[in-house]
Amino acid sequence: MIPLTAAKAGETVTIKKITGRDELRRHLAEMGFVVDDDVTVVNEMAGNLIVQVKDSRVALNKDMANRILFN
């Protein structure tokens, strides 16, 4: 599996796994990051990402983006 930080701007990927402690996974789920949903990378800067998830754009730091995995 590949971390979300490896996706390029404009690329849409399907989340396959979210790693980390329960609190972090719950927080990401509340923001819309759930397994088998698609996210689109809008912009990347130094590993930090802006992604489109459902109808919202969300900024993720590099550490959080590394916890979201896709194939």
C-alpha atoms as a PDB file:
ATOM      1  CA  MET A   1       0.000   0.000   0.000  1.00  0.00           C
ATOM      2  CA  ILE A   2       1.087   3.537  -0.784  1.00  0.00           C
ATOM      3  CA  PRO A   3       0.697   6.613   1.473  1.00  0.00           C
ATOM      4  CA  LEU A   4      -1.409   9.500   0.202  1.00  0.00           C
ATOM      5  CA  THR A   5       1.706  11.705   0.106  1.00  0.00           C
ATOM      6  CA  ALA A   6       2.842   9.714  -2.958  1.00  0.00           C
ATOM      7  CA  ALA A   7      -0.208  10.772  -5.014  1.00  0.00           C
ATOM      8  CA  LYS A   8       0.296  13.575  -7.524  1.00  0.00           C
ATOM      9  CA  ALA A   9      -1.787  16.732  -7.851  1.00  0.00           C
ATOM     10  CA  GLY A  10      -4.923  15.986  -9.858  1.00  0.00           C
ATOM     11  CA  GLU A  11      -4.816  12.274  -9.068  1.00  0.00           C
ATOM     12  CA  THR A  12      -7.882  10.559  -7.586  1.00  0.00           C
ATOM     13  CA  VAL A  13      -7.257   7.536  -5.375  1.00  0.00           C
ATOM     14  CA  THR A  14      -9.401   5.154  -3.338  1.00  0.00           C
ATOM     15  CA  ILE A  15      -8.580   4.862   0.364  1.00  0.00           C
ATOM     16  CA  LYS A  16      -7.755   1.266   1.322  1.00  0.00           C
ATOM     17  CA  LYS A  17      -6.537   1.639   4.918  1.00  0.00           C
ATOM     18  CA  ILE A  18      -6.067   4.281   7.602  1.00  0.00           C
ATOM     19  CA  THR A  19      -3.390   3.629  10.205  1.00  0.00           C
ATOM     20  CA  GLY A  20      -2.741   5.211  13.579  1.00  0.00           C
ATOM     21  CA  ARG A  21      -4.363   5.350  16.977  1.00  0.00           C
ATOM     22  CA  ASP A  22      -8.137   5.179  17.376  1.00  0.00           C
ATOM     23  CA  GLU A  23      -8.401   8.923  18.070  1.00  0.00           C
ATOM     24  CA  LEU A  24      -6.599   9.810  14.847  1.00  0.00           C
ATOM     25  CA  ARG A  25      -8.626   7.372  12.742  1.00  0.00           C
ATOM     26  CA  ARG A  26     -11.852   8.702  14.273  1.00  0.00           C
ATOM     27  CA  HIS A  27     -10.776  12.305  13.591  1.00  0.00           C
ATOM     28  CA  LEU A  28      -9.998  11.501   9.948  1.00  0.00           C
ATOM     29  CA  ALA A  29     -13.340   9.683   9.595  1.00  0.00           C
ATOM     30  CA  GLU A  30     -15.146  12.761  10.931  1.00  0.00           C
ATOM     31  CA  MET A  31     -13.434  14.810   8.206  1.00  0.00           C
ATOM     32  CA  GLY A  32     -14.684  12.340   5.566  1.00  0.00           C
ATOM     33  CA  PHE A  33     -11.702  10.012   5.154  1.00  0.00           C
ATOM     34  CA  VAL A  34     -13.193   6.513   5.166  1.00  0.00           C
ATOM     35  CA  VAL A  35     -12.047   3.264   3.564  1.00  0.00           C
ATOM     36  CA  ASP A  36     -13.281   2.670  -0.009  1.00  0.00           C
ATOM     37  CA  ASP A  37     -14.041   6.360  -0.623  1.00  0.00           C
ATOM     38  CA  ASP A  38     -12.252   8.405  -3.279  1.00  0.00           C
ATOM     39  CA  VAL A  39     -10.116  11.461  -2.574  1.00  0.00           C
ATOM     40  CA  THR A  40      -8.528  13.801  -5.110  1.00  0.00           C
ATOM     41  CA  VAL A  41      -5.232  15.534  -4.462  1.00  0.00           C
ATOM     42  CA  VAL A  42      -5.736  19.213  -5.318  1.00  0.00           C
ATOM     43  CA  ASN A  43      -2.272  20.513  -4.425  1.00  0.00           C
ATOM     44  CA  GLU A  44       0.937  19.305  -2.782  1.00  0.00           C
ATOM     45  CA  MET A  45       3.587  21.430  -1.130  1.00  0.00           C
ATOM     46  CA  ALA A  46       6.549  19.892   0.746  1.00  0.00           C
ATOM     47  CA  GLY A  47       4.527  16.744   1.484  1.00  0.00           C
ATOM     48  CA  ASN A  48       1.553  18.671   2.874  1.00  0.00           C
ATOM     49  CA  LEU A  49      -1.626  18.163   0.859  1.00  0.00           C
ATOM     50  CA  ILE A  50      -4.884  19.848  -0.013  1.00  0.00           C
ATOM     51  CA  VAL A  51      -7.381  17.157  -0.958  1.00  0.00           C
ATOM     52  CA  GLN A  52     -10.963  17.066  -2.168  1.00  0.00           C
ATOM     53  CA  VAL A  53     -12.966  14.628  -0.039  1.00  0.00           C
ATOM     54  CA  LYS A  54     -16.694  14.396  -0.681  1.00  0.00           C
ATOM     55  CA  ASP A  55     -17.797  18.044  -1.138  1.00  0.00           C
ATOM     56  CA  SER A  56     -15.000  19.651   0.901  1.00  0.00           C
ATOM     57  CA  ARG A  57     -11.374  20.591   0.507  1.00  0.00           C
ATOM     58  CA  VAL A  58      -9.202  19.615   3.447  1.00  0.00           C
ATOM     59  CA  ALA A  59      -5.578  20.458   4.249  1.00  0.00           C
ATOM     60  CA  LEU A  60      -3.493  17.614   5.674  1.00  0.00           C
ATOM     61  CA  ASN A  61       0.003  17.805   7.062  1.00  0.00           C
ATOM     62  CA  LYS A  62       2.545  15.248   5.900  1.00  0.00           C
ATOM     63  CA  ASP A  63       2.205  13.071   9.033  1.00  0.00           C
ATOM     64  CA  MET A  64      -1.563  12.720   8.701  1.00  0.00           C
ATOM     65  CA  ALA A  65      -1.398  12.150   4.937  1.00  0.00           C
ATOM     66  CA  ASN A  66       1.118   9.323   5.497  1.00  0.00           C
ATOM     67  CA  ARG A  67      -1.505   7.498   7.605  1.00  0.00           C
ATOM     68  CA  ILE A  68      -3.951   7.311   4.678  1.00  0.00           C
ATOM     69  CA  LEU A  69      -3.047   4.440   2.353  1.00  0.00           C
ATOM     70  CA  PHE A  70      -4.185   3.505  -1.170  1.00  0.00           C
ATOM     71  CA  ASN A  71      -3.192   0.934  -3.825  1.00  0.00           C
END
